Amino acid sequence: MDRTVADLRKDYTLQELNETEVDPNPVIQFQKWFDQVCSVDIPEPNAMTVATVSSEGKPSARMVLLKDYDGRGFVFYTNYNSRKGQELIANPHAALVFWWAQLERQVRITGSVEKISAQESDEYFHSRPFNSRLGAWTSNQSEIVSSRQTLEQRLRELQAKYQDLEVPRPPHWGGFRVIPAEIEFWQGRSSRLHDRLLYSRHDDDTWEIERLSP
């Protein structure tokens, strides 16, 4: 008999997560985990879900790529006129989720959101490949388009226009920074008794670590 979705399960046994072994700063702890995930063969280790909520309270989520992080927060880039861009402008709060199945690990981040500076967006934009820069001009992200051919024709026109020119950053394209209020580290454990350590930021920018029930 074929297995059903309900039959799909895996017992997690690779590692454990203890309060005495994690860094008191969650960004440093994230760096440790991210270095480990980058050292194994995991495609797109910086892929993350970004969840947003509209001004009417309707949620949406999608995968994007983390492009920078430090003590200030976690940065990704998008079209500010896209659905996620408009939702983040209207309701500047977001949730991020990283899932690294090969290490049986998950990281959840929630916090407020701000646009990064134009200079930071410019620096990253000009580091992108030529066609990626043109893609930011080609697509009116999240808007209805008549056909794939329409996009491809627009790209060819831009390739010809900017063949020997610097491609400027579109004014509607740039970065958002998620400023974490909470960061949860999840390590899969046997019998579904997973390890969950939650870092919560206090007003003085110190962090409290608490264990959550799985």
N, C-alpha and C. Protein backbone atom coordinates (compact mmCIF):
# COMPACT_ATOMS: atom_id res chain seq x y z
N MET A 1 0.84 -1.20 0.00
CA MET A 1 0.00 0.00 0.00
C MET A 1 0.87 1.25 0.00
N ASP A 2 0.52 2.23 -0.81
CA ASP A 2 1.26 3.47 -0.85
C ASP A 2 1.11 4.22 0.47
N ARG A 3 2.19 4.90 0.86
CA ARG A 3 2.14 5.67 2.08
C ARG A 3 1.33 6.94 1.87
N THR A 4 0.64 7.37 2.89
CA THR A 4 -0.08 8.64 2.85
C THR A 4 0.83 9.73 3.42
N VAL A 5 0.40 10.97 3.27
CA VAL A 5 1.16 12.08 3.85
C VAL A 5 1.31 11.90 5.35
N ALA A 6 0.28 11.39 6.00
CA ALA A 6 0.33 11.21 7.45
C ALA A 6 1.37 10.18 7.86
N ASP A 7 1.77 9.30 6.93
CA ASP A 7 2.76 8.27 7.24
C ASP A 7 4.19 8.79 7.16
N LEU A 8 4.39 9.96 6.59
CA LEU A 8 5.74 10.49 6.42
C LEU A 8 6.25 11.03 7.74
N ARG A 9 7.34 10.47 8.22
CA ARG A 9 7.90 10.94 9.49
C ARG A 9 9.38 10.56 9.56
N LYS A 10 10.11 11.31 10.37
CA LYS A 10 11.54 11.06 10.55
C LYS A 10 11.88 11.33 12.00
N ASP A 11 12.69 10.47 12.59
CA ASP A 11 13.14 10.68 13.96
C ASP A 11 14.47 11.43 13.91
N TYR A 12 14.54 12.55 14.60
CA TYR A 12 15.75 13.39 14.56
C TYR A 12 16.71 12.98 15.67
N THR A 13 17.94 12.68 15.28
CA THR A 13 18.89 12.13 16.25
C THR A 13 20.30 12.69 16.14
N LEU A 14 20.52 13.66 15.25
CA LEU A 14 21.88 14.09 14.96
C LEU A 14 22.57 14.79 16.11
N GLN A 15 21.90 15.80 16.71
CA GLN A 15 22.56 16.64 17.69
C GLN A 15 21.59 17.07 18.77
N GLU A 16 22.11 17.82 19.75
CA GLU A 16 21.27 18.38 20.80
C GLU A 16 21.64 19.85 20.98
N LEU A 17 20.80 20.59 21.70
CA LEU A 17 20.99 22.02 21.90
C LEU A 17 20.80 22.33 23.37
N ASN A 18 21.87 22.80 24.02
CA ASN A 18 21.85 23.04 25.46
C ASN A 18 22.13 24.49 25.79
N GLU A 19 21.46 25.00 26.82
CA GLU A 19 21.65 26.39 27.24
C GLU A 19 23.09 26.69 27.60
N THR A 20 23.79 25.72 28.15
CA THR A 20 25.16 25.95 28.61
C THR A 20 26.16 26.03 27.46
N GLU A 21 25.74 25.66 26.25
CA GLU A 21 26.67 25.59 25.13
C GLU A 21 26.44 26.67 24.08
N VAL A 22 25.34 27.41 24.18
CA VAL A 22 25.07 28.43 23.16
C VAL A 22 25.67 29.76 23.58
N ASP A 23 25.91 30.62 22.59
CA ASP A 23 26.43 31.96 22.87
C ASP A 23 25.31 32.83 23.45
N PRO A 24 25.64 33.71 24.40
CA PRO A 24 24.60 34.59 24.96
C PRO A 24 24.05 35.59 23.95
N ASN A 25 24.76 35.80 22.86
CA ASN A 25 24.29 36.71 21.80
C ASN A 25 23.73 35.86 20.66
N PRO A 26 22.45 36.01 20.31
CA PRO A 26 21.86 35.14 19.29
C PRO A 26 22.43 35.35 17.89
N VAL A 27 22.93 36.55 17.60
CA VAL A 27 23.52 36.77 16.28
C VAL A 27 24.82 35.99 16.14
N ILE A 28 25.59 35.94 17.22
CA ILE A 28 26.80 35.12 17.20
C ILE A 28 26.45 33.65 17.11
N GLN A 29 25.40 33.24 17.83
CA GLN A 29 24.96 31.85 17.74
C GLN A 29 24.48 31.52 16.33
N PHE A 30 23.77 32.46 15.70
CA PHE A 30 23.35 32.27 14.31
C PHE A 30 24.57 32.11 13.41
N GLN A 31 25.60 32.94 13.64
CA GLN A 31 26.82 32.86 12.84
C GLN A 31 27.43 31.46 12.95
N LYS A 32 27.45 30.90 14.16
CA LYS A 32 28.01 29.56 14.35
C LYS A 32 27.23 28.53 13.54
N TRP A 33 25.92 28.59 13.65
CA TRP A 33 25.10 27.64 12.90
C TRP A 33 25.22 27.86 11.40
N PHE A 34 25.25 29.13 10.98
CA PHE A 34 25.33 29.40 9.55
C PHE A 34 26.67 28.93 8.98
N ASP A 35 27.75 29.12 9.72
CA ASP A 35 29.05 28.61 9.28
C ASP A 35 29.01 27.10 9.11
N GLN A 36 28.33 26.41 10.03
CA GLN A 36 28.23 24.96 9.94
C GLN A 36 27.40 24.53 8.74
N VAL A 37 26.29 25.23 8.47
CA VAL A 37 25.45 24.85 7.35
C VAL A 37 26.16 25.13 6.03
N CYS A 38 27.02 26.15 6.00
CA CYS A 38 27.77 26.46 4.78
C CYS A 38 28.92 25.47 4.54
N SER A 39 29.28 24.73 5.56
CA SER A 39 30.40 23.79 5.44
C SER A 39 29.95 22.43 4.91
N VAL A 40 28.63 22.22 4.81
CA VAL A 40 28.11 20.97 4.27
C VAL A 40 27.40 21.27 2.96
N ASP A 41 27.06 20.22 2.23
CA ASP A 41 26.49 20.39 0.89
C ASP A 41 24.99 20.62 0.99
N ILE A 42 24.62 21.86 1.29
CA ILE A 42 23.21 22.24 1.37
C ILE A 42 22.95 23.31 0.32
N PRO A 43 22.03 23.09 -0.61
CA PRO A 43 21.75 24.11 -1.62
C PRO A 43 21.09 25.34 -0.99
N GLU A 44 21.50 26.52 -1.43
CA GLU A 44 20.91 27.77 -0.97
C GLU A 44 20.80 27.84 0.56
N PRO A 45 21.92 27.74 1.28
CA PRO A 45 21.84 27.77 2.75
C PRO A 45 21.27 29.07 3.29
N ASN A 46 21.29 30.13 2.49
CA ASN A 46 20.76 31.42 2.92
C ASN A 46 19.30 31.63 2.53
N ALA A 47 18.65 30.57 2.03
CA ALA A 47 17.23 30.68 1.69
C ALA A 47 16.41 30.73 2.97
N MET A 48 15.42 31.62 2.98
CA MET A 48 14.58 31.77 4.17
C MET A 48 13.17 32.16 3.75
N THR A 49 12.21 31.76 4.55
CA THR A 49 10.84 32.22 4.38
C THR A 49 10.69 33.58 5.02
N VAL A 50 10.06 34.50 4.31
CA VAL A 50 9.70 35.80 4.88
C VAL A 50 8.18 35.88 4.93
N ALA A 51 7.64 36.02 6.12
CA ALA A 51 6.20 36.14 6.31
C ALA A 51 5.86 37.59 6.65
N THR A 52 4.85 38.12 5.97
CA THR A 52 4.40 39.49 6.17
C THR A 52 2.89 39.49 6.40
N VAL A 53 2.38 40.62 6.85
CA VAL A 53 0.94 40.77 7.08
C VAL A 53 0.51 42.10 6.47
N SER A 54 -0.59 42.07 5.73
CA SER A 54 -1.09 43.29 5.12
C SER A 54 -1.73 44.20 6.17
N SER A 55 -2.06 45.41 5.75
CA SER A 55 -2.73 46.34 6.67
C SER A 55 -4.11 45.83 7.06
N GLU A 56 -4.68 44.88 6.27
CA GLU A 56 -5.97 44.28 6.61
C GLU A 56 -5.81 43.02 7.46
N GLY A 57 -4.58 42.67 7.81
CA GLY A 57 -4.34 41.51 8.65
C GLY A 57 -4.23 40.20 7.89
N LYS A 58 -4.08 40.24 6.57
CA LYS A 58 -3.96 39.02 5.77
C LYS A 58 -2.49 38.62 5.64
N PRO A 59 -2.13 37.40 6.05
CA PRO A 59 -0.72 36.98 5.98
C PRO A 59 -0.34 36.47 4.61
N SER A 60 0.95 36.55 4.30
CA SER A 60 1.51 35.92 3.11
C SER A 60 2.96 35.57 3.40
N ALA A 61 3.48 34.60 2.67
CA ALA A 61 4.86 34.16 2.90
C ALA A 61 5.47 33.72 1.59
N ARG A 62 6.80 33.84 1.51
CA ARG A 62 7.53 33.44 0.32
C ARG A 62 9.00 33.21 0.68
N MET A 63 9.73 32.54 -0.22
CA MET A 63 11.15 32.30 0.00
C MET A 63 11.96 33.43 -0.63
N VAL A 64 12.96 33.92 0.11
CA VAL A 64 13.91 34.89 -0.42
C VAL A 64 15.30 34.46 0.06
N LEU A 65 16.31 35.23 -0.32
CA LEU A 65 17.68 34.92 0.08
C LEU A 65 18.21 35.97 1.04
N LEU A 66 18.72 35.52 2.17
CA LEU A 66 19.43 36.40 3.09
C LEU A 66 20.71 36.88 2.41
N LYS A 67 20.96 38.19 2.46
CA LYS A 67 22.14 38.73 1.79
C LYS A 67 23.13 39.39 2.75
N ASP A 68 22.73 39.63 3.99
CA ASP A 68 23.66 40.21 4.96
C ASP A 68 23.03 40.09 6.34
N TYR A 69 23.86 40.04 7.35
CA TYR A 69 23.36 40.09 8.73
C TYR A 69 24.49 40.53 9.65
N ASP A 70 24.10 41.21 10.72
CA ASP A 70 25.03 41.64 11.75
C ASP A 70 24.20 42.00 12.98
N GLY A 71 24.79 42.72 13.91
CA GLY A 71 24.07 43.06 15.13
C GLY A 71 22.86 43.92 14.90
N ARG A 72 22.78 44.57 13.74
CA ARG A 72 21.62 45.43 13.45
C ARG A 72 20.43 44.62 12.95
N GLY A 73 20.67 43.47 12.31
CA GLY A 73 19.56 42.68 11.81
C GLY A 73 19.91 41.87 10.58
N PHE A 74 18.87 41.39 9.89
CA PHE A 74 18.99 40.45 8.79
C PHE A 74 18.42 41.11 7.53
N VAL A 75 19.22 41.12 6.45
CA VAL A 75 18.90 41.94 5.27
C VAL A 75 18.57 41.06 4.07
N PHE A 76 17.51 41.45 3.36
CA PHE A 76 17.21 40.87 2.06
C PHE A 76 16.77 42.01 1.13
N TYR A 77 16.74 41.71 -0.18
CA TYR A 77 16.45 42.73 -1.18
C TYR A 77 15.21 42.36 -1.97
N THR A 78 14.50 43.40 -2.42
CA THR A 78 13.27 43.15 -3.17
C THR A 78 12.85 44.40 -3.90
N ASN A 79 11.79 44.26 -4.69
CA ASN A 79 11.11 45.39 -5.30
C ASN A 79 10.18 45.98 -4.23
N TYR A 80 10.37 47.24 -3.90
CA TYR A 80 9.53 47.85 -2.86
C TYR A 80 8.06 47.92 -3.26
N ASN A 81 7.77 47.81 -4.57
CA ASN A 81 6.38 47.84 -5.03
C ASN A 81 5.74 46.47 -5.08
N SER A 82 6.50 45.42 -4.74
CA SER A 82 5.96 44.07 -4.74
C SER A 82 4.98 43.91 -3.58
N ARG A 83 4.32 42.77 -3.55
CA ARG A 83 3.37 42.53 -2.45
C ARG A 83 4.07 42.59 -1.11
N LYS A 84 5.21 41.88 -0.97
CA LYS A 84 5.88 41.90 0.32
C LYS A 84 6.42 43.28 0.64
N GLY A 85 6.90 44.00 -0.39
CA GLY A 85 7.39 45.34 -0.16
C GLY A 85 6.31 46.27 0.36
N GLN A 86 5.15 46.23 -0.28
CA GLN A 86 4.04 47.09 0.14
C GLN A 86 3.51 46.69 1.51
N GLU A 87 3.47 45.39 1.79
CA GLU A 87 3.01 44.95 3.11
C GLU A 87 3.98 45.38 4.20
N LEU A 88 5.28 45.31 3.93
CA LEU A 88 6.25 45.71 4.93
C LEU A 88 6.25 47.22 5.15
N ILE A 89 5.94 47.97 4.12
CA ILE A 89 5.84 49.42 4.28
C ILE A 89 4.60 49.77 5.10
N ALA A 90 3.49 49.07 4.84
CA ALA A 90 2.25 49.34 5.55
C ALA A 90 2.27 48.79 6.98
N ASN A 91 2.93 47.66 7.17
CA ASN A 91 2.98 47.01 8.49
C ASN A 91 4.41 46.50 8.68
N PRO A 92 5.31 47.34 9.21
CA PRO A 92 6.75 47.03 9.23
C PRO A 92 7.16 46.01 10.30
N HIS A 93 6.61 44.81 10.18
CA HIS A 93 6.98 43.69 11.03
C HIS A 93 7.02 42.44 10.17
N ALA A 94 7.92 41.51 10.50
CA ALA A 94 8.06 40.31 9.68
C ALA A 94 8.56 39.16 10.53
N ALA A 95 8.38 37.96 9.98
CA ALA A 95 8.95 36.74 10.57
C ALA A 95 9.79 36.05 9.51
N LEU A 96 10.95 35.55 9.91
CA LEU A 96 11.85 34.80 9.03
C LEU A 96 11.97 33.37 9.55
N VAL A 97 12.10 32.42 8.64
CA VAL A 97 12.33 31.03 9.03
C VAL A 97 13.41 30.44 8.12
N PHE A 98 14.44 29.88 8.75
CA PHE A 98 15.46 29.09 8.05
C PHE A 98 15.22 27.62 8.40
N TRP A 99 15.27 26.75 7.39
CA TRP A 99 15.12 25.31 7.62
C TRP A 99 16.27 24.59 6.95
N TRP A 100 17.11 23.96 7.77
CA TRP A 100 18.27 23.22 7.27
C TRP A 100 18.08 21.74 7.60
N ALA A 101 17.41 21.04 6.69
CA ALA A 101 17.00 19.66 6.96
C ALA A 101 18.18 18.74 7.23
N GLN A 102 19.29 18.96 6.49
CA GLN A 102 20.43 18.06 6.65
C GLN A 102 21.03 18.11 8.05
N LEU A 103 20.86 19.22 8.74
CA LEU A 103 21.36 19.35 10.12
C LEU A 103 20.23 19.26 11.14
N GLU A 104 19.00 19.03 10.65
CA GLU A 104 17.83 18.92 11.52
C GLU A 104 17.68 20.18 12.39
N ARG A 105 17.80 21.34 11.74
CA ARG A 105 17.78 22.60 12.46
C ARG A 105 16.85 23.61 11.80
N GLN A 106 16.30 24.46 12.65
CA GLN A 106 15.45 25.55 12.20
C GLN A 106 15.78 26.79 13.03
N VAL A 107 15.72 27.96 12.39
CA VAL A 107 15.86 29.23 13.11
C VAL A 107 14.66 30.09 12.75
N ARG A 108 14.00 30.63 13.77
CA ARG A 108 12.87 31.53 13.58
C ARG A 108 13.24 32.90 14.13
N ILE A 109 12.95 33.94 13.35
CA ILE A 109 13.28 35.32 13.75
C ILE A 109 12.05 36.18 13.55
N THR A 110 11.69 36.97 14.55
CA THR A 110 10.59 37.92 14.42
C THR A 110 11.08 39.29 14.87
N GLY A 111 10.56 40.32 14.23
CA GLY A 111 10.97 41.66 14.63
C GLY A 111 10.39 42.73 13.73
N SER A 112 10.81 43.94 13.99
CA SER A 112 10.39 45.08 13.18
C SER A 112 11.26 45.17 11.93
N VAL A 113 10.82 46.00 10.98
CA VAL A 113 11.48 46.07 9.68
C VAL A 113 11.74 47.52 9.31
N GLU A 114 12.90 47.76 8.69
CA GLU A 114 13.22 49.09 8.19
C GLU A 114 13.90 48.94 6.82
N LYS A 115 13.77 49.97 5.99
CA LYS A 115 14.55 50.01 4.76
C LYS A 115 16.01 50.28 5.11
N ILE A 116 16.93 49.64 4.42
CA ILE A 116 18.33 49.95 4.60
C ILE A 116 18.65 51.24 3.83
N SER A 117 19.83 51.78 4.03
CA SER A 117 20.19 53.04 3.38
C SER A 117 20.33 52.86 1.88
N ALA A 118 20.14 53.97 1.15
CA ALA A 118 20.31 53.94 -0.30
C ALA A 118 21.74 53.52 -0.67
N GLN A 119 22.71 53.94 0.12
CA GLN A 119 24.10 53.58 -0.17
C GLN A 119 24.30 52.07 -0.07
N GLU A 120 23.74 51.45 0.98
CA GLU A 120 23.86 50.00 1.12
C GLU A 120 23.18 49.29 -0.05
N SER A 121 22.00 49.76 -0.43
CA SER A 121 21.30 49.14 -1.56
C SER A 121 22.09 49.31 -2.85
N ASP A 122 22.68 50.50 -3.05
CA ASP A 122 23.49 50.74 -4.24
C ASP A 122 24.68 49.77 -4.30
N GLU A 123 25.37 49.63 -3.17
CA GLU A 123 26.56 48.77 -3.14
C GLU A 123 26.21 47.34 -3.49
N TYR A 124 25.12 46.83 -2.93
CA TYR A 124 24.76 45.46 -3.26
C TYR A 124 24.28 45.34 -4.70
N PHE A 125 23.45 46.30 -5.14
CA PHE A 125 22.91 46.23 -6.50
C PHE A 125 24.03 46.16 -7.52
N HIS A 126 25.06 46.97 -7.36
CA HIS A 126 26.14 47.02 -8.34
C HIS A 126 27.08 45.81 -8.24
N SER A 127 26.91 44.99 -7.20
CA SER A 127 27.69 43.75 -7.11
C SER A 127 27.00 42.60 -7.82
N ARG A 128 25.75 42.79 -8.24
CA ARG A 128 24.98 41.73 -8.88
C ARG A 128 25.43 41.53 -10.32
N PRO A 129 25.22 40.33 -10.88
CA PRO A 129 25.51 40.09 -12.30
C PRO A 129 24.68 41.04 -13.18
N PHE A 130 25.17 41.29 -14.37
CA PHE A 130 24.56 42.23 -15.30
C PHE A 130 23.07 41.94 -15.52
N ASN A 131 22.74 40.68 -15.83
CA ASN A 131 21.35 40.36 -16.12
C ASN A 131 20.46 40.42 -14.88
N SER A 132 21.03 40.19 -13.71
CA SER A 132 20.25 40.34 -12.49
C SER A 132 19.90 41.80 -12.25
N ARG A 133 20.84 42.69 -12.55
CA ARG A 133 20.55 44.12 -12.43
C ARG A 133 19.45 44.52 -13.42
N LEU A 134 19.53 44.00 -14.63
CA LEU A 134 18.49 44.30 -15.61
C LEU A 134 17.15 43.71 -15.20
N GLY A 135 17.19 42.56 -14.54
CA GLY A 135 15.95 41.93 -14.10
C GLY A 135 15.15 42.80 -13.15
N ALA A 136 15.86 43.60 -12.35
CA ALA A 136 15.17 44.50 -11.43
C ALA A 136 14.38 45.57 -12.16
N TRP A 137 14.84 45.92 -13.38
CA TRP A 137 14.11 46.87 -14.22
C TRP A 137 13.04 46.17 -15.06
N THR A 138 13.28 44.91 -15.41
CA THR A 138 12.38 44.19 -16.31
C THR A 138 11.04 43.88 -15.67
N SER A 139 11.07 43.46 -14.41
CA SER A 139 9.88 42.92 -13.77
C SER A 139 9.21 43.92 -12.84
N ASN A 140 7.91 44.12 -13.05
CA ASN A 140 7.08 44.82 -12.07
C ASN A 140 6.55 43.77 -11.10
N GLN A 141 7.38 43.42 -10.15
CA GLN A 141 7.15 42.24 -9.31
C GLN A 141 5.76 42.24 -8.68
N SER A 142 5.13 41.09 -8.75
CA SER A 142 3.81 40.81 -8.18
C SER A 142 2.66 41.32 -9.04
N GLU A 143 2.94 42.08 -10.10
CA GLU A 143 1.88 42.55 -10.98
C GLU A 143 1.61 41.51 -12.08
N ILE A 144 0.40 41.50 -12.59
CA ILE A 144 0.03 40.58 -13.66
C ILE A 144 0.78 40.96 -14.94
N VAL A 145 1.31 39.93 -15.63
CA VAL A 145 2.02 40.15 -16.89
C VAL A 145 1.34 39.29 -17.96
N SER A 146 1.27 39.79 -19.16
CA SER A 146 0.51 39.11 -20.21
C SER A 146 1.12 37.78 -20.62
N SER A 147 2.47 37.68 -20.62
CA SER A 147 3.11 36.45 -21.06
C SER A 147 4.58 36.45 -20.66
N ARG A 148 5.18 35.27 -20.71
CA ARG A 148 6.62 35.14 -20.51
C ARG A 148 7.38 35.91 -21.59
N GLN A 149 6.85 35.90 -22.80
CA GLN A 149 7.52 36.56 -23.91
C GLN A 149 7.63 38.07 -23.69
N THR A 150 6.65 38.63 -23.01
CA THR A 150 6.69 40.06 -22.70
C THR A 150 7.90 40.39 -21.85
N LEU A 151 8.15 39.56 -20.83
CA LEU A 151 9.31 39.77 -19.97
C LEU A 151 10.61 39.61 -20.75
N GLU A 152 10.68 38.55 -21.56
CA GLU A 152 11.92 38.28 -22.30
C GLU A 152 12.22 39.39 -23.31
N GLN A 153 11.18 39.91 -23.94
CA GLN A 153 11.38 41.01 -24.88
C GLN A 153 11.88 42.25 -24.17
N ARG A 154 11.30 42.54 -23.01
CA ARG A 154 11.74 43.69 -22.23
C ARG A 154 13.20 43.52 -21.80
N LEU A 155 13.60 42.32 -21.42
CA LEU A 155 14.98 42.08 -21.03
C LEU A 155 15.92 42.29 -22.21
N ARG A 156 15.54 41.82 -23.39
CA ARG A 156 16.40 42.02 -24.57
C ARG A 156 16.57 43.51 -24.88
N GLU A 157 15.51 44.26 -24.73
CA GLU A 157 15.59 45.70 -24.97
C GLU A 157 16.56 46.37 -23.99
N LEU A 158 16.50 45.96 -22.74
CA LEU A 158 17.39 46.53 -21.73
C LEU A 158 18.83 46.09 -21.94
N GLN A 159 19.03 44.85 -22.35
CA GLN A 159 20.39 44.38 -22.65
C GLN A 159 21.02 45.23 -23.74
N ALA A 160 20.24 45.57 -24.75
CA ALA A 160 20.76 46.41 -25.83
C ALA A 160 21.02 47.82 -25.35
N LYS A 161 20.13 48.35 -24.54
CA LYS A 161 20.25 49.73 -24.06
C LYS A 161 21.47 49.92 -23.18
N TYR A 162 21.73 48.95 -22.29
CA TYR A 162 22.80 49.10 -21.30
C TYR A 162 24.05 48.28 -21.65
N GLN A 163 24.19 47.88 -22.90
CA GLN A 163 25.31 47.01 -23.28
C GLN A 163 26.65 47.58 -22.85
N ASP A 164 26.83 48.88 -23.00
CA ASP A 164 28.11 49.50 -22.64
C ASP A 164 27.94 50.58 -21.57
N LEU A 165 26.88 50.46 -20.80
CA LEU A 165 26.57 51.47 -19.78
C LEU A 165 26.43 50.83 -18.41
N GLU A 166 26.59 51.66 -17.37
CA GLU A 166 26.34 51.22 -16.01
C GLU A 166 24.83 51.16 -15.78
N VAL A 167 24.38 50.06 -15.21
CA VAL A 167 22.95 49.91 -14.92
C VAL A 167 22.65 50.57 -13.58
N PRO A 168 21.82 51.60 -13.54
CA PRO A 168 21.51 52.24 -12.26
C PRO A 168 20.54 51.39 -11.45
N ARG A 169 20.56 51.57 -10.15
CA ARG A 169 19.60 50.87 -9.30
C ARG A 169 18.22 51.52 -9.45
N PRO A 170 17.19 50.71 -9.69
CA PRO A 170 15.85 51.29 -9.77
C PRO A 170 15.47 51.93 -8.43
N PRO A 171 14.80 53.05 -8.44
CA PRO A 171 14.41 53.69 -7.18
C PRO A 171 13.43 52.86 -6.36
N HIS A 172 12.76 51.91 -7.01
CA HIS A 172 11.79 51.07 -6.31
C HIS A 172 12.40 49.75 -5.84
N TRP A 173 13.70 49.61 -5.89
CA TRP A 173 14.36 48.35 -5.54
C TRP A 173 15.40 48.62 -4.45
N GLY A 174 15.41 47.77 -3.42
CA GLY A 174 16.41 47.94 -2.37
C GLY A 174 16.23 46.93 -1.26
N GLY A 175 16.89 47.20 -0.15
CA GLY A 175 16.93 46.23 0.94
C GLY A 175 16.01 46.58 2.10
N PHE A 176 15.57 45.52 2.77
CA PHE A 176 14.88 45.62 4.05
C PHE A 176 15.75 44.94 5.11
N ARG A 177 15.74 45.50 6.31
CA ARG A 177 16.42 44.88 7.44
C ARG A 177 15.39 44.48 8.49
N VAL A 178 15.41 43.21 8.87
CA VAL A 178 14.57 42.73 9.97
C VAL A 178 15.37 42.86 11.26
N ILE A 179 14.88 43.71 12.16
CA ILE A 179 15.55 43.97 13.44
C ILE A 179 14.97 43.00 14.47
N PRO A 180 15.73 41.99 14.88
CA PRO A 180 15.11 40.92 15.67
C PRO A 180 14.72 41.34 17.08
N ALA A 181 13.51 40.94 17.45
CA ALA A 181 13.05 41.04 18.84
C ALA A 181 13.14 39.68 19.51
N GLU A 182 12.96 38.62 18.70
CA GLU A 182 13.08 37.25 19.19
C GLU A 182 13.78 36.40 18.14
N ILE A 183 14.64 35.50 18.60
CA ILE A 183 15.28 34.53 17.71
C ILE A 183 15.21 33.17 18.41
N GLU A 184 14.62 32.21 17.73
CA GLU A 184 14.49 30.87 18.30
C GLU A 184 15.35 29.88 17.52
N PHE A 185 16.14 29.11 18.23
CA PHE A 185 16.95 28.04 17.65
C PHE A 185 16.29 26.70 17.98
N TRP A 186 16.06 25.92 16.95
CA TRP A 186 15.34 24.65 17.07
C TRP A 186 16.25 23.53 16.58
N GLN A 187 16.46 22.54 17.42
CA GLN A 187 17.25 21.36 17.05
C GLN A 187 16.36 20.14 17.17
N GLY A 188 16.21 19.41 16.07
CA GLY A 188 15.39 18.21 16.11
C GLY A 188 15.96 17.17 17.06
N ARG A 189 15.06 16.54 17.82
CA ARG A 189 15.46 15.49 18.77
C ARG A 189 14.52 14.29 18.63
N SER A 190 14.94 13.19 19.18
CA SER A 190 14.17 11.96 19.08
C SER A 190 12.83 12.08 19.81
N SER A 191 11.86 11.29 19.35
CA SER A 191 10.52 11.22 19.95
C SER A 191 9.78 12.54 19.94
N ARG A 192 10.16 13.43 19.02
CA ARG A 192 9.54 14.75 18.89
C ARG A 192 9.76 15.64 20.11
N LEU A 193 10.73 15.30 20.95
CA LEU A 193 11.07 16.14 22.10
C LEU A 193 12.20 17.08 21.68
N HIS A 194 11.90 17.96 20.75
CA HIS A 194 12.90 18.83 20.16
C HIS A 194 13.41 19.87 21.16
N ASP A 195 14.65 20.31 20.92
CA ASP A 195 15.23 21.40 21.71
C ASP A 195 14.84 22.73 21.08
N ARG A 196 14.29 23.63 21.90
CA ARG A 196 13.92 24.97 21.43
C ARG A 196 14.44 25.99 22.43
N LEU A 197 15.36 26.83 21.99
CA LEU A 197 15.88 27.90 22.84
C LEU A 197 15.48 29.24 22.23
N LEU A 198 14.78 30.03 23.02
CA LEU A 198 14.27 31.32 22.57
C LEU A 198 15.06 32.46 23.20
N TYR A 199 15.63 33.32 22.35
CA TYR A 199 16.28 34.55 22.78
C TYR A 199 15.27 35.69 22.64
N SER A 200 15.06 36.44 23.72
CA SER A 200 14.16 37.60 23.69
C SER A 200 14.96 38.84 24.05
N ARG A 201 14.81 39.88 23.23
CA ARG A 201 15.56 41.12 23.45
C ARG A 201 14.85 42.02 24.46
N HIS A 202 15.59 42.52 25.43
CA HIS A 202 15.07 43.49 26.38
C HIS A 202 15.30 44.92 25.87
N ASP A 203 14.68 45.87 26.57
CA ASP A 203 14.78 47.27 26.13
C ASP A 203 16.21 47.79 26.15
N ASP A 204 17.07 47.22 27.00
CA ASP A 204 18.46 47.66 27.06
C ASP A 204 19.36 46.88 26.10
N ASP A 205 18.74 46.15 25.15
CA ASP A 205 19.43 45.38 24.11
C ASP A 205 20.18 44.16 24.65
N THR A 206 19.90 43.76 25.88
CA THR A 206 20.40 42.48 26.36
C THR A 206 19.41 41.39 25.97
N TRP A 207 19.87 40.15 26.04
CA TRP A 207 19.04 39.03 25.60
C TRP A 207 18.80 38.04 26.73
N GLU A 208 17.59 37.54 26.81
CA GLU A 208 17.24 36.48 27.75
C GLU A 208 17.03 35.19 27.00
N ILE A 209 17.54 34.08 27.54
CA ILE A 209 17.39 32.78 26.89
C ILE A 209 16.43 31.92 27.72
N GLU A 210 15.43 31.37 27.08
CA GLU A 210 14.47 30.49 27.74
C GLU A 210 14.26 29.25 26.89
N ARG A 211 14.03 28.11 27.54
CA ARG A 211 13.72 26.87 26.83
C ARG A 211 12.22 26.75 26.66
N LEU A 212 11.80 26.43 25.44
CA LEU A 212 10.39 26.23 25.14
C LEU A 212 10.08 24.75 25.02
N SER A 213 8.88 24.38 25.40
CA SER A 213 8.44 23.01 25.19
C SER A 213 8.31 22.74 23.70
N PRO A 214 8.65 21.53 23.27
CA PRO A 214 8.57 21.22 21.84
C PRO A 214 7.12 21.09 21.36
